[in-house]
Amino acid sequence: MEQDGIVCNCGKKGCLETIASATGIVNLAIKELANGEDIGKLKEDYYKYQIVTCKQIFDAVKKADKTAIRIIDQVTFHLGFALENLANSLNPQKIVIGGGVSNAGDTLLKPLKEQFAQFAFPRVAEGVELVIAKLGNDAGVIGGAWLVKEALMNTSEQGKFSYCLGVHLLVS
């Protein structure tokens, strides 16, 4: 996502995970808190405790903290853009957001839907449903196990499902 971005766990720079994961969001927050001029609860807590968590950031968004909103706007911009690229190519019926960040629920989903709609082809945006995984942080593990089971039991279904970075796409 960012050519000279943070080094990802995979060893490359600028991967979506460096922005859209809980660790990525915290890294964005630390950078924003160091450079931002807004004073708010998030900044006060950061300077008081010298730590910030992804949950604190999303909680601060709910309280209209300007810095937290700016951070989540950055995250949903990049994630919405990435999902739009996938959706415009694959035309899925549903995109399921999983992983730890999905615990933020509508605080993540509402701005993500807005960003996605801004970039996606109108017919694609209208035809896809963005939802939070009901299995939360375990969605990727459970989904991966299910995909392996299905692939072993029914080879004709291979290729119908795709998994990437806690985002599941159901392709018809």
C-alpha atoms as a PDB file:
ATOM      1  CA  MET A   1       0.000   0.000   0.000  1.00  0.00           C
ATOM      2  CA  GLU A   2       2.894   2.336   0.779  1.00  0.00           C
ATOM      3  CA  GLN A   3       6.004   1.866  -1.320  1.00  0.00           C
ATOM      4  CA  ASP A   4       8.355   2.906   1.480  1.00  0.00           C
ATOM      5  CA  GLY A   5       6.070   1.746   4.266  1.00  0.00           C
ATOM      6  CA  ILE A   6       6.771  -0.273   7.366  1.00  0.00           C
ATOM      7  CA  VAL A   7       8.390  -3.688   6.960  1.00  0.00           C
ATOM      8  CA  CYS A   8       5.737  -6.408   7.127  1.00  0.00           C
ATOM      9  CA  ASN A   9       6.039  -9.737   8.952  1.00  0.00           C
ATOM     10  CA  CYS A  10       6.597 -11.293   5.499  1.00  0.00           C
ATOM     11  CA  GLY A  11       9.745  -9.191   5.070  1.00  0.00           C
ATOM     12  CA  LYS A  12       8.393  -6.895   2.359  1.00  0.00           C
ATOM     13  CA  LYS A  13       7.449  -3.237   2.685  1.00  0.00           C
ATOM     14  CA  GLY A  14       4.049  -1.649   2.316  1.00  0.00           C
ATOM     15  CA  CYS A  15       1.810  -4.713   2.621  1.00  0.00           C
ATOM     16  CA  LEU A  16      -1.833  -4.159   3.531  1.00  0.00           C
ATOM     17  CA  GLU A  17      -1.239  -5.886   6.852  1.00  0.00           C
ATOM     18  CA  THR A  18       1.121  -3.070   7.882  1.00  0.00           C
ATOM     19  CA  ILE A  19      -1.886  -0.746   7.802  1.00  0.00           C
ATOM     20  CA  ALA A  20      -5.041  -2.800   8.327  1.00  0.00           C
ATOM     21  CA  SER A  21      -3.963  -5.179  11.124  1.00  0.00           C
ATOM     22  CA  ALA A  22      -4.124  -4.296  14.820  1.00  0.00           C
ATOM     23  CA  THR A  23      -0.340  -3.832  14.853  1.00  0.00           C
ATOM     24  CA  GLY A  24      -0.538  -1.662  11.746  1.00  0.00           C
ATOM     25  CA  ILE A  25      -3.251   0.508  13.262  1.00  0.00           C
ATOM     26  CA  VAL A  26      -1.193   0.972  16.435  1.00  0.00           C
ATOM     27  CA  ASN A  27       1.862   1.920  14.348  1.00  0.00           C
ATOM     28  CA  LEU A  28      -0.214   4.479  12.438  1.00  0.00           C
ATOM     29  CA  ALA A  29      -1.517   5.807  15.739  1.00  0.00           C
ATOM     30  CA  ILE A  30       1.930   6.231  17.271  1.00  0.00           C
ATOM     31  CA  LYS A  31       3.078   8.109  14.172  1.00  0.00           C
ATOM     32  CA  GLU A  32      -0.066  10.271  14.165  1.00  0.00           C
ATOM     33  CA  LEU A  33       0.116  10.955  17.914  1.00  0.00           C
ATOM     34  CA  ALA A  34       3.750  12.043  17.597  1.00  0.00           C
ATOM     35  CA  ASN A  35       3.004  14.392  14.698  1.00  0.00           C
ATOM     36  CA  GLY A  36      -0.596  15.431  15.266  1.00  0.00           C
ATOM     37  CA  GLU A  37      -1.548  18.677  16.935  1.00  0.00           C
ATOM     38  CA  ASP A  38      -5.032  17.693  18.115  1.00  0.00           C
ATOM     39  CA  ILE A  39      -5.478  17.162  21.818  1.00  0.00           C
ATOM     40  CA  GLY A  40      -7.902  14.439  22.781  1.00  0.00           C
ATOM     41  CA  LYS A  41      -8.430  11.456  25.033  1.00  0.00           C
ATOM     42  CA  LEU A  42      -6.319   9.171  22.842  1.00  0.00           C
ATOM     43  CA  LYS A  43      -3.337  11.538  22.927  1.00  0.00           C
ATOM     44  CA  GLU A  44      -3.736  12.157  26.672  1.00  0.00           C
ATOM     45  CA  ASP A  45      -3.793   8.412  27.381  1.00  0.00           C
ATOM     46  CA  TYR A  46      -0.817   7.810  25.120  1.00  0.00           C
ATOM     47  CA  TYR A  47       1.332  10.399  26.858  1.00  0.00           C
ATOM     48  CA  LYS A  48       0.157   9.293  30.289  1.00  0.00           C
ATOM     49  CA  TYR A  49       0.687   5.521  29.820  1.00  0.00           C
ATOM     50  CA  GLN A  50       3.166   5.508  26.874  1.00  0.00           C
ATOM     51  CA  ILE A  51       1.090   2.820  25.158  1.00  0.00           C
ATOM     52  CA  VAL A  52      -1.839   2.699  22.786  1.00  0.00           C
ATOM     53  CA  THR A  53      -3.925  -0.299  21.742  1.00  0.00           C
ATOM     54  CA  CYS A  54      -6.133  -0.923  18.773  1.00  0.00           C
ATOM     55  CA  LYS A  55      -9.121  -1.175  21.125  1.00  0.00           C
ATOM     56  CA  GLN A  56      -8.318   2.251  22.612  1.00  0.00           C
ATOM     57  CA  ILE A  57      -8.219   3.728  19.110  1.00  0.00           C
ATOM     58  CA  PHE A  58     -11.625   2.321  18.145  1.00  0.00           C
ATOM     59  CA  ASP A  59     -13.073   3.339  21.522  1.00  0.00           C
ATOM     60  CA  ALA A  60     -11.766   6.869  20.916  1.00  0.00           C
ATOM     61  CA  VAL A  61     -13.473   6.915  17.490  1.00  0.00           C
ATOM     62  CA  LYS A  62     -16.780   6.203  19.256  1.00  0.00           C
ATOM     63  CA  LYS A  63     -16.100   9.295  21.421  1.00  0.00           C
ATOM     64  CA  ALA A  64     -15.396  11.441  18.324  1.00  0.00           C
ATOM     65  CA  ASP A  65     -11.670  11.807  19.047  1.00  0.00           C
ATOM     66  CA  LYS A  66     -10.283  13.636  15.981  1.00  0.00           C
ATOM     67  CA  THR A  67      -6.933  11.848  15.989  1.00  0.00           C
ATOM     68  CA  ALA A  68      -8.531   8.409  16.269  1.00  0.00           C
ATOM     69  CA  ILE A  69     -10.981   9.226  13.470  1.00  0.00           C
ATOM     70  CA  ARG A  70      -8.081  10.342  11.254  1.00  0.00           C
ATOM     71  CA  ILE A  71      -6.247   7.067  11.949  1.00  0.00           C
ATOM     72  CA  ILE A  72      -9.262   4.896  11.131  1.00  0.00           C
ATOM     73  CA  ASP A  73      -9.937   6.992   8.032  1.00  0.00           C
ATOM     74  CA  GLN A  74      -6.436   6.092   6.811  1.00  0.00           C
ATOM     75  CA  VAL A  75      -7.001   2.413   7.584  1.00  0.00           C
ATOM     76  CA  THR A  76     -10.403   2.216   5.904  1.00  0.00           C
ATOM     77  CA  PHE A  77      -9.145   4.177   2.890  1.00  0.00           C
ATOM     78  CA  HIS A  78      -6.406   1.619   2.209  1.00  0.00           C
ATOM     79  CA  LEU A  79      -8.542  -1.397   3.107  1.00  0.00           C
ATOM     80  CA  GLY A  80     -11.497  -0.109   1.068  1.00  0.00           C
ATOM     81  CA  PHE A  81      -9.222   0.501  -1.914  1.00  0.00           C
ATOM     82  CA  ALA A  82      -7.708  -2.998  -1.657  1.00  0.00           C
ATOM     83  CA  LEU A  83     -11.119  -4.637  -1.322  1.00  0.00           C
ATOM     84  CA  GLU A  84     -12.424  -2.622  -4.267  1.00  0.00           C
ATOM     85  CA  ASN A  85      -9.600  -3.957  -6.424  1.00  0.00           C
ATOM     86  CA  LEU A  86     -10.456  -7.515  -5.453  1.00  0.00           C
ATOM     87  CA  ALA A  87     -14.202  -6.977  -5.825  1.00  0.00           C
ATOM     88  CA  ASN A  88     -13.932  -5.255  -9.213  1.00  0.00           C
ATOM     89  CA  SER A  89     -11.878  -8.222 -10.436  1.00  0.00           C
ATOM     90  CA  LEU A  90     -13.777 -11.098  -8.798  1.00  0.00           C
ATOM     91  CA  ASN A  91     -17.297  -9.680  -8.341  1.00  0.00           C
ATOM     92  CA  PRO A  92     -18.007 -11.518  -5.055  1.00  0.00           C
ATOM     93  CA  GLN A  93     -21.419 -11.710  -3.416  1.00  0.00           C
ATOM     94  CA  LYS A  94     -19.994 -11.126   0.044  1.00  0.00           C
ATOM     95  CA  ILE A  95     -16.783  -9.907   1.656  1.00  0.00           C
ATOM     96  CA  VAL A  96     -16.335 -11.068   5.239  1.00  0.00           C
ATOM     97  CA  ILE A  97     -13.948  -9.067   7.406  1.00  0.00           C
ATOM     98  CA  GLY A  98     -12.301 -11.267  10.030  1.00  0.00           C
ATOM     99  CA  GLY A  99      -9.346 -11.161  12.362  1.00  0.00           C
ATOM    100  CA  GLY A 100      -8.811  -9.167  15.543  1.00  0.00           C
ATOM    101  CA  VAL A 101      -9.608  -5.793  14.001  1.00  0.00           C
ATOM    102  CA  SER A 102     -13.071  -7.067  13.089  1.00  0.00           C
ATOM    103  CA  ASN A 103     -13.939  -6.897  16.800  1.00  0.00           C
ATOM    104  CA  ALA A 104     -14.419  -3.158  16.228  1.00  0.00           C
ATOM    105  CA  GLY A 105     -17.680  -4.026  14.458  1.00  0.00           C
ATOM    106  CA  ASP A 106     -19.581  -1.099  12.967  1.00  0.00           C
ATOM    107  CA  THR A 107     -16.886   1.352  14.054  1.00  0.00           C
ATOM    108  CA  LEU A 108     -14.744  -0.269  11.355  1.00  0.00           C
ATOM    109  CA  LEU A 109     -17.462  -1.425   8.978  1.00  0.00           C
ATOM    110  CA  LYS A 110     -19.316   1.872   8.472  1.00  0.00           C
ATOM    111  CA  PRO A 111     -16.319   3.922   7.227  1.00  0.00           C
ATOM    112  CA  LEU A 112     -15.012   0.877   5.346  1.00  0.00           C
ATOM    113  CA  LYS A 113     -18.270   0.573   3.407  1.00  0.00           C
ATOM    114  CA  GLU A 114     -18.084   4.286   2.552  1.00  0.00           C
ATOM    115  CA  GLN A 115     -14.511   3.968   1.268  1.00  0.00           C
ATOM    116  CA  PHE A 116     -15.311   0.777  -0.640  1.00  0.00           C
ATOM    117  CA  ALA A 117     -18.316   2.397  -2.348  1.00  0.00           C
ATOM    118  CA  GLN A 118     -16.172   5.388  -3.320  1.00  0.00           C
ATOM    119  CA  PHE A 119     -13.827   3.192  -5.374  1.00  0.00           C
ATOM    120  CA  ALA A 120     -15.825   0.157  -6.533  1.00  0.00           C
ATOM    121  CA  PHE A 121     -17.684   0.020  -9.816  1.00  0.00           C
ATOM    122  CA  PRO A 122     -21.305   0.970  -9.029  1.00  0.00           C
ATOM    123  CA  ARG A 123     -22.695  -2.463  -9.991  1.00  0.00           C
ATOM    124  CA  VAL A 124     -20.041  -4.201  -7.919  1.00  0.00           C
ATOM    125  CA  ALA A 125     -20.663  -1.948  -4.908  1.00  0.00           C
ATOM    126  CA  GLU A 126     -24.399  -2.614  -5.125  1.00  0.00           C
ATOM    127  CA  GLY A 127     -23.961  -6.365  -5.528  1.00  0.00           C
ATOM    128  CA  VAL A 128     -21.522  -7.092  -2.721  1.00  0.00           C
ATOM    129  CA  GLU A 129     -22.274  -7.287   0.980  1.00  0.00           C
ATOM    130  CA  LEU A 130     -19.519  -6.298   3.421  1.00  0.00           C
ATOM    131  CA  VAL A 131     -19.963  -7.975   6.806  1.00  0.00           C
ATOM    132  CA  ILE A 132     -18.023  -8.711   9.978  1.00  0.00           C
ATOM    133  CA  ALA A 133     -17.100 -12.359  10.553  1.00  0.00           C
ATOM    134  CA  LYS A 134     -19.285 -13.916  13.223  1.00  0.00           C
ATOM    135  CA  LEU A 135     -16.334 -16.013  14.349  1.00  0.00           C
ATOM    136  CA  GLY A 136     -14.205 -12.941  15.083  1.00  0.00           C
ATOM    137  CA  ASN A 137     -10.487 -13.538  15.419  1.00  0.00           C
ATOM    138  CA  ASP A 138     -10.893 -17.296  14.884  1.00  0.00           C
ATOM    139  CA  ALA A 139     -12.528 -16.868  11.465  1.00  0.00           C
ATOM    140  CA  GLY A 140      -9.305 -17.330   9.505  1.00  0.00           C
ATOM    141  CA  VAL A 141      -8.287 -20.523  11.282  1.00  0.00           C
ATOM    142  CA  ILE A 142     -11.760 -22.053  11.119  1.00  0.00           C
ATOM    143  CA  GLY A 143     -12.244 -20.948   7.504  1.00  0.00           C
ATOM    144  CA  GLY A 144      -8.851 -22.312   6.501  1.00  0.00           C
ATOM    145  CA  ALA A 145      -9.625 -25.676   8.106  1.00  0.00           C
ATOM    146  CA  TRP A 146     -13.001 -25.746   6.358  1.00  0.00           C
ATOM    147  CA  LEU A 147     -11.388 -24.982   2.981  1.00  0.00           C
ATOM    148  CA  VAL A 148      -8.893 -27.814   3.430  1.00  0.00           C
ATOM    149  CA  LYS A 149     -11.702 -30.195   4.394  1.00  0.00           C
ATOM    150  CA  GLU A 150     -13.768 -29.149   1.371  1.00  0.00           C
ATOM    151  CA  ALA A 151     -10.812 -29.414  -0.999  1.00  0.00           C
ATOM    152  CA  LEU A 152     -10.039 -32.918   0.233  1.00  0.00           C
ATOM    153  CA  MET A 153     -13.667 -34.052   0.034  1.00  0.00           C
ATOM    154  CA  ASN A 154     -14.733 -32.389  -3.217  1.00  0.00           C
ATOM    155  CA  THR A 155     -12.064 -31.528  -5.757  1.00  0.00           C
ATOM    156  CA  SER A 156     -14.652 -30.019  -8.150  1.00  0.00           C
ATOM    157  CA  GLU A 157     -15.176 -27.129  -5.717  1.00  0.00           C
ATOM    158  CA  GLN A 158     -11.508 -26.069  -5.672  1.00  0.00           C
ATOM    159  CA  GLY A 159     -10.996 -22.465  -6.631  1.00  0.00           C
ATOM    160  CA  LYS A 160     -14.429 -21.229  -5.545  1.00  0.00           C
ATOM    161  CA  PHE A 161     -13.123 -19.626  -2.394  1.00  0.00           C
ATOM    162  CA  SER A 162     -10.217 -17.306  -1.787  1.00  0.00           C
ATOM    163  CA  TYR A 163      -8.645 -16.150   1.466  1.00  0.00           C
ATOM    164  CA  CYS A 164      -6.332 -13.192   1.985  1.00  0.00           C
ATOM    165  CA  LEU A 165      -5.368 -11.266   5.152  1.00  0.00           C
ATOM    166  CA  GLY A 166      -8.427 -12.134   7.227  1.00  0.00           C
ATOM    167  CA  VAL A 167     -10.714 -11.067   4.376  1.00  0.00           C
ATOM    168  CA  HIS A 168     -12.833 -13.819   2.877  1.00  0.00           C
ATOM    169  CA  LEU A 169     -14.414 -13.511  -0.557  1.00  0.00           C
ATOM    170  CA  LEU A 170     -17.330 -15.674  -1.657  1.00  0.00           C
ATOM    171  CA  VAL A 171     -17.126 -15.861  -5.437  1.00  0.00           C
ATOM    172  CA  SER A 172     -20.092 -17.237  -7.346  1.00  0.00           C
END
